[in-house]
Amino acid sequence: MSASARPPGNLAELVAALRLLPPRQARLISLRLLEGASEEDCASFYGTSREACGVHLLRALDALSQQLSGRSPRSTDLTAAQEASWSAGLERALAIDAPSRSPEPPAHGLAGPPLDQGEGGERLHGLRLLALQLRSQAGPIREALAAAERAEADSPARRRSDALRIVAIVVLIALAVWLGLT
């Protein structure tokens, strides 16, 4: 198994990696895999087609996988056709929603025809396993994310940052009023 397909060691590692993702990617993973929203609901939420939403989910999972492996996120090295094919395969795999089934895919990586062999197929296999792991641990992950957000909101650094933001807004309003009166 490649480094990109390595499952996270623990819940804390997974939550930390999710929190490092760009907000749009983290929200899409949360919506689709942790909250169980349908592909159509996610596409509607983002105002995109189902296919585009699937590609965005694939990219978000790839970025999460890279965060977990300790590599810096890279732009996708897949062609548009590969992304479309992989995202369709990922959605097919996610559509198989039977908890009693093993998350291990068939030898070629997904239900349906094989997509890519070699490094690409292994990478897709890793992303599929990551998606299934996120889905299977959705409750604890959501709780850990909420706890981390509460801890961050209550931190002294966050309170200081919020206070400085308020001071800056007050100064800007005062400046605008002063300029308007002169």
C-alpha atoms as a PDB file:
ATOM      1  CA  MET A   1       0.000   0.000   0.000  1.00  0.00           C
ATOM      2  CA  SER A   2       1.411   3.398  -0.943  1.00  0.00           C
ATOM      3  CA  ALA A   3       1.817   6.258   1.507  1.00  0.00           C
ATOM      4  CA  SER A   4      -1.182   7.996  -0.015  1.00  0.00           C
ATOM      5  CA  ALA A   5      -3.333   4.941   0.663  1.00  0.00           C
ATOM      6  CA  ARG A   6      -2.196   4.603   4.281  1.00  0.00           C
ATOM      7  CA  PRO A   7      -5.164   4.835   6.646  1.00  0.00           C
ATOM      8  CA  PRO A   8      -4.836   7.335   9.479  1.00  0.00           C
ATOM      9  CA  GLY A   9      -3.460   5.937  12.708  1.00  0.00           C
ATOM     10  CA  ASN A  10      -6.105   7.421  14.971  1.00  0.00           C
ATOM     11  CA  LEU A  11      -9.081   9.712  15.184  1.00  0.00           C
ATOM     12  CA  ALA A  12      -7.015  12.697  16.350  1.00  0.00           C
ATOM     13  CA  GLU A  13      -4.757  12.427  13.300  1.00  0.00           C
ATOM     14  CA  LEU A  14      -7.759  12.276  10.982  1.00  0.00           C
ATOM     15  CA  VAL A  15      -9.490  15.248  12.637  1.00  0.00           C
ATOM     16  CA  ALA A  16      -6.281  17.314  12.519  1.00  0.00           C
ATOM     17  CA  ALA A  17      -5.880  16.571   8.805  1.00  0.00           C
ATOM     18  CA  LEU A  18      -9.518  17.480   8.111  1.00  0.00           C
ATOM     19  CA  ARG A  19      -9.072  20.803   9.902  1.00  0.00           C
ATOM     20  CA  LEU A  20      -6.047  21.629   7.716  1.00  0.00           C
ATOM     21  CA  LEU A  21      -8.025  21.288   4.482  1.00  0.00           C
ATOM     22  CA  PRO A  22      -9.373  24.360   2.702  1.00  0.00           C
ATOM     23  CA  PRO A  23     -12.874  25.128   4.059  1.00  0.00           C
ATOM     24  CA  ARG A  24     -14.715  24.162   0.862  1.00  0.00           C
ATOM     25  CA  GLN A  25     -13.022  20.756   0.696  1.00  0.00           C
ATOM     26  CA  ALA A  26     -13.526  20.079   4.401  1.00  0.00           C
ATOM     27  CA  ARG A  27     -17.207  21.052   4.163  1.00  0.00           C
ATOM     28  CA  LEU A  28     -17.803  18.820   1.137  1.00  0.00           C
ATOM     29  CA  ILE A  29     -16.239  15.828   2.897  1.00  0.00           C
ATOM     30  CA  SER A  30     -18.305  16.629   5.977  1.00  0.00           C
ATOM     31  CA  LEU A  31     -21.533  16.997   4.009  1.00  0.00           C
ATOM     32  CA  ARG A  32     -21.133  13.933   1.792  1.00  0.00           C
ATOM     33  CA  LEU A  33     -19.356  11.446   4.028  1.00  0.00           C
ATOM     34  CA  LEU A  34     -19.922  12.517   7.631  1.00  0.00           C
ATOM     35  CA  GLU A  35     -23.480  13.860   7.398  1.00  0.00           C
ATOM     36  CA  GLY A  36     -24.565  11.418   4.695  1.00  0.00           C
ATOM     37  CA  ALA A  37     -25.929  13.983   2.226  1.00  0.00           C
ATOM     38  CA  SER A  38     -26.678  12.609  -1.208  1.00  0.00           C
ATOM     39  CA  GLU A  39     -24.635  13.471  -4.265  1.00  0.00           C
ATOM     40  CA  GLU A  40     -27.574  15.526  -5.542  1.00  0.00           C
ATOM     41  CA  ASP A  41     -27.879  17.456  -2.256  1.00  0.00           C
ATOM     42  CA  CYS A  42     -24.161  18.273  -2.271  1.00  0.00           C
ATOM     43  CA  ALA A  43     -24.297  19.405  -5.891  1.00  0.00           C
ATOM     44  CA  SER A  44     -27.299  21.600  -5.090  1.00  0.00           C
ATOM     45  CA  PHE A  45     -25.566  23.037  -2.015  1.00  0.00           C
ATOM     46  CA  TYR A  46     -22.560  24.074  -4.120  1.00  0.00           C
ATOM     47  CA  GLY A  47     -24.560  25.009  -7.219  1.00  0.00           C
ATOM     48  CA  THR A  48     -22.726  22.534  -9.447  1.00  0.00           C
ATOM     49  CA  SER A  49     -23.569  19.452 -11.455  1.00  0.00           C
ATOM     50  CA  ARG A  50     -23.384  16.034  -9.816  1.00  0.00           C
ATOM     51  CA  GLU A  51     -20.340  15.229 -11.936  1.00  0.00           C
ATOM     52  CA  ALA A  52     -18.502  18.402 -10.873  1.00  0.00           C
ATOM     53  CA  CYS A  53     -19.383  17.729  -7.248  1.00  0.00           C
ATOM     54  CA  GLY A  54     -17.979  14.210  -7.597  1.00  0.00           C
ATOM     55  CA  VAL A  55     -14.720  15.606  -8.981  1.00  0.00           C
ATOM     56  CA  HIS A  56     -14.542  18.089  -6.089  1.00  0.00           C
ATOM     57  CA  LEU A  57     -15.058  15.222  -3.612  1.00  0.00           C
ATOM     58  CA  LEU A  58     -12.313  13.225  -5.305  1.00  0.00           C
ATOM     59  CA  ARG A  59      -9.935  16.199  -5.072  1.00  0.00           C
ATOM     60  CA  ALA A  60     -10.878  16.793  -1.424  1.00  0.00           C
ATOM     61  CA  LEU A  61     -10.196  13.150  -0.542  1.00  0.00           C
ATOM     62  CA  ASP A  62      -6.896  13.306  -2.421  1.00  0.00           C
ATOM     63  CA  ALA A  63      -5.907  16.448  -0.475  1.00  0.00           C
ATOM     64  CA  LEU A  64      -6.916  14.756   2.810  1.00  0.00           C
ATOM     65  CA  SER A  65      -4.909  11.674   1.889  1.00  0.00           C
ATOM     66  CA  GLN A  66      -1.880  13.851   1.206  1.00  0.00           C
ATOM     67  CA  GLN A  67      -2.323  15.654   4.545  1.00  0.00           C
ATOM     68  CA  LEU A  68      -2.450  12.293   6.311  1.00  0.00           C
ATOM     69  CA  SER A  69       0.672  11.051   4.555  1.00  0.00           C
ATOM     70  CA  GLY A  70       2.575  14.187   5.538  1.00  0.00           C
ATOM     71  CA  ARG A  71       3.103  15.337   1.969  1.00  0.00           C
ATOM     72  CA  SER A  72       2.292  18.862   0.902  1.00  0.00           C
ATOM     73  CA  PRO A  73      -0.913  19.056  -1.118  1.00  0.00           C
ATOM     74  CA  ARG A  74      -0.342  19.137  -4.848  1.00  0.00           C
ATOM     75  CA  SER A  75      -2.613  20.041  -7.654  1.00  0.00           C
ATOM     76  CA  THR A  76      -4.188  17.041  -9.232  1.00  0.00           C
ATOM     77  CA  ASP A  77      -2.045  15.275 -11.793  1.00  0.00           C
ATOM     78  CA  LEU A  78      -5.034  13.611 -13.395  1.00  0.00           C
ATOM     79  CA  THR A  79      -6.562  14.527 -16.725  1.00  0.00           C
ATOM     80  CA  ALA A  80     -10.152  15.744 -16.788  1.00  0.00           C
ATOM     81  CA  ALA A  81     -11.232  12.386 -18.238  1.00  0.00           C
ATOM     82  CA  GLN A  82      -9.425  10.487 -15.467  1.00  0.00           C
ATOM     83  CA  GLU A  83     -10.970  12.716 -12.797  1.00  0.00           C
ATOM     84  CA  ALA A  84     -14.446  12.160 -14.236  1.00  0.00           C
ATOM     85  CA  SER A  85     -13.888   8.406 -14.429  1.00  0.00           C
ATOM     86  CA  TRP A  86     -12.416   8.199 -10.927  1.00  0.00           C
ATOM     87  CA  SER A  87     -15.143  10.359  -9.367  1.00  0.00           C
ATOM     88  CA  ALA A  88     -17.819   8.216 -11.046  1.00  0.00           C
ATOM     89  CA  GLY A  89     -16.111   5.107  -9.679  1.00  0.00           C
ATOM     90  CA  LEU A  90     -15.873   6.646  -6.229  1.00  0.00           C
ATOM     91  CA  GLU A  91     -19.578   7.486  -6.285  1.00  0.00           C
ATOM     92  CA  ARG A  92     -20.391   3.915  -7.388  1.00  0.00           C
ATOM     93  CA  ALA A  93     -18.368   2.632  -4.454  1.00  0.00           C
ATOM     94  CA  LEU A  94     -20.100   5.003  -2.044  1.00  0.00           C
ATOM     95  CA  ALA A  95     -23.490   3.957  -3.409  1.00  0.00           C
ATOM     96  CA  ILE A  96     -22.817   0.443  -2.143  1.00  0.00           C
ATOM     97  CA  ASP A  97     -24.136   1.255   1.293  1.00  0.00           C
ATOM     98  CA  ALA A  98     -24.320  -2.051   3.090  1.00  0.00           C
ATOM     99  CA  PRO A  99     -22.636  -1.904   6.526  1.00  0.00           C
ATOM    100  CA  SER A 100     -22.250  -5.673   6.653  1.00  0.00           C
ATOM    101  CA  ARG A 101     -20.050  -5.681   3.557  1.00  0.00           C
ATOM    102  CA  SER A 102     -16.312  -5.525   3.937  1.00  0.00           C
ATOM    103  CA  PRO A 103     -14.781  -2.225   2.833  1.00  0.00           C
ATOM    104  CA  GLU A 104     -12.248  -4.197   0.807  1.00  0.00           C
ATOM    105  CA  PRO A 105     -12.967  -3.712  -2.900  1.00  0.00           C
ATOM    106  CA  PRO A 106     -12.579  -6.277  -5.640  1.00  0.00           C
ATOM    107  CA  ALA A 107      -9.060  -6.806  -6.976  1.00  0.00           C
ATOM    108  CA  HIS A 108      -9.443  -4.024  -9.569  1.00  0.00           C
ATOM    109  CA  GLY A 109     -10.359  -1.382  -6.938  1.00  0.00           C
ATOM    110  CA  LEU A 110     -14.063  -0.712  -7.444  1.00  0.00           C
ATOM    111  CA  ALA A 111     -17.300  -2.400  -8.325  1.00  0.00           C
ATOM    112  CA  GLY A 112     -17.708  -2.259 -12.089  1.00  0.00           C
ATOM    113  CA  PRO A 113     -15.001  -2.324 -14.716  1.00  0.00           C
ATOM    114  CA  PRO A 114     -11.381  -1.717 -13.721  1.00  0.00           C
ATOM    115  CA  LEU A 115     -10.343   1.915 -14.085  1.00  0.00           C
ATOM    116  CA  ASP A 116      -6.567   2.149 -13.816  1.00  0.00           C
ATOM    117  CA  GLN A 117      -3.924  -0.351 -12.893  1.00  0.00           C
ATOM    118  CA  GLY A 118      -0.603   0.311 -11.189  1.00  0.00           C
ATOM    119  CA  GLU A 119      -0.005   3.421  -9.093  1.00  0.00           C
ATOM    120  CA  GLY A 120      -3.213   5.116 -10.257  1.00  0.00           C
ATOM    121  CA  GLY A 121      -5.395   2.165  -9.320  1.00  0.00           C
ATOM    122  CA  GLU A 122      -3.695   1.893  -5.938  1.00  0.00           C
ATOM    123  CA  ARG A 123      -4.227   5.605  -5.354  1.00  0.00           C
ATOM    124  CA  LEU A 124      -7.916   5.338  -6.214  1.00  0.00           C
ATOM    125  CA  HIS A 125      -8.219   2.278  -3.996  1.00  0.00           C
ATOM    126  CA  GLY A 126      -6.695   4.298  -1.123  1.00  0.00           C
ATOM    127  CA  LEU A 127      -9.126   7.176  -1.673  1.00  0.00           C
ATOM    128  CA  ARG A 128     -12.055   4.770  -1.693  1.00  0.00           C
ATOM    129  CA  LEU A 129     -10.911   3.166   1.560  1.00  0.00           C
ATOM    130  CA  LEU A 130     -10.446   6.610   3.102  1.00  0.00           C
ATOM    131  CA  ALA A 131     -13.981   7.606   2.061  1.00  0.00           C
ATOM    132  CA  LEU A 132     -15.412   4.403   3.511  1.00  0.00           C
ATOM    133  CA  GLN A 133     -13.452   4.913   6.737  1.00  0.00           C
ATOM    134  CA  LEU A 134     -14.783   8.465   7.053  1.00  0.00           C
ATOM    135  CA  ARG A 135     -18.312   7.223   6.487  1.00  0.00           C
ATOM    136  CA  SER A 136     -17.975   4.356   8.961  1.00  0.00           C
ATOM    137  CA  GLN A 137     -16.576   6.636  11.696  1.00  0.00           C
ATOM    138  CA  ALA A 138     -18.826   9.619  10.928  1.00  0.00           C
ATOM    139  CA  GLY A 139     -20.256   9.989  14.454  1.00  0.00           C
ATOM    140  CA  PRO A 140     -16.967  10.041  16.365  1.00  0.00           C
ATOM    141  CA  ILE A 141     -15.347  12.253  13.707  1.00  0.00           C
ATOM    142  CA  ARG A 142     -18.202  14.796  13.866  1.00  0.00           C
ATOM    143  CA  GLU A 143     -17.959  14.837  17.685  1.00  0.00           C
ATOM    144  CA  ALA A 144     -14.170  15.285  17.589  1.00  0.00           C
ATOM    145  CA  LEU A 145     -14.448  18.085  15.003  1.00  0.00           C
ATOM    146  CA  ALA A 146     -17.058  19.873  17.129  1.00  0.00           C
ATOM    147  CA  ALA A 147     -14.888  19.514  20.238  1.00  0.00           C
ATOM    148  CA  ALA A 148     -11.862  20.888  18.374  1.00  0.00           C
ATOM    149  CA  GLU A 149     -13.896  23.856  17.113  1.00  0.00           C
ATOM    150  CA  ARG A 150     -15.169  24.570  20.645  1.00  0.00           C
ATOM    151  CA  ALA A 151     -11.641  24.385  22.029  1.00  0.00           C
ATOM    152  CA  GLU A 152     -10.398  26.748  19.325  1.00  0.00           C
ATOM    153  CA  ALA A 153     -13.268  29.177  19.934  1.00  0.00           C
ATOM    154  CA  ASP A 154     -12.466  29.222  23.670  1.00  0.00           C
ATOM    155  CA  SER A 155      -8.704  29.627  23.213  1.00  0.00           C
ATOM    156  CA  PRO A 156      -6.980  32.821  24.379  1.00  0.00           C
ATOM    157  CA  ALA A 157      -5.464  33.324  20.922  1.00  0.00           C
ATOM    158  CA  ARG A 158      -8.908  33.212  19.318  1.00  0.00           C
ATOM    159  CA  ARG A 159     -10.353  35.650  21.874  1.00  0.00           C
ATOM    160  CA  ARG A 160      -7.419  38.006  21.284  1.00  0.00           C
ATOM    161  CA  SER A 161      -7.876  37.750  17.515  1.00  0.00           C
ATOM    162  CA  ASP A 162     -11.609  38.441  17.829  1.00  0.00           C
ATOM    163  CA  ALA A 163     -10.933  41.461  20.083  1.00  0.00           C
ATOM    164  CA  LEU A 164      -8.416  42.882  17.594  1.00  0.00           C
ATOM    165  CA  ARG A 165     -10.894  42.388  14.774  1.00  0.00           C
ATOM    166  CA  ILE A 166     -13.551  44.336  16.726  1.00  0.00           C
ATOM    167  CA  VAL A 167     -11.087  47.142  17.477  1.00  0.00           C
ATOM    168  CA  ALA A 168     -10.160  47.359  13.791  1.00  0.00           C
ATOM    169  CA  ILE A 169     -13.836  47.572  12.791  1.00  0.00           C
ATOM    170  CA  VAL A 170     -14.516  50.305  15.369  1.00  0.00           C
ATOM    171  CA  VAL A 171     -11.502  52.287  14.142  1.00  0.00           C
ATOM    172  CA  LEU A 172     -12.633  51.963  10.519  1.00  0.00           C
ATOM    173  CA  ILE A 173     -16.168  53.074  11.385  1.00  0.00           C
ATOM    174  CA  ALA A 174     -14.834  56.019  13.377  1.00  0.00           C
ATOM    175  CA  LEU A 175     -12.567  56.988  10.469  1.00  0.00           C
ATOM    176  CA  ALA A 176     -15.465  56.763   8.017  1.00  0.00           C
ATOM    177  CA  VAL A 177     -17.648  58.936  10.250  1.00  0.00           C
ATOM    178  CA  TRP A 178     -14.848  61.472  10.712  1.00  0.00           C
ATOM    179  CA  LEU A 179     -14.225  61.620   6.937  1.00  0.00           C
ATOM    180  CA  GLY A 180     -17.950  61.991   6.319  1.00  0.00           C
ATOM    181  CA  LEU A 181     -18.186  64.946   8.698  1.00  0.00           C
ATOM    182  CA  THR A 182     -15.268  66.832   7.186  1.00  0.00           C
END
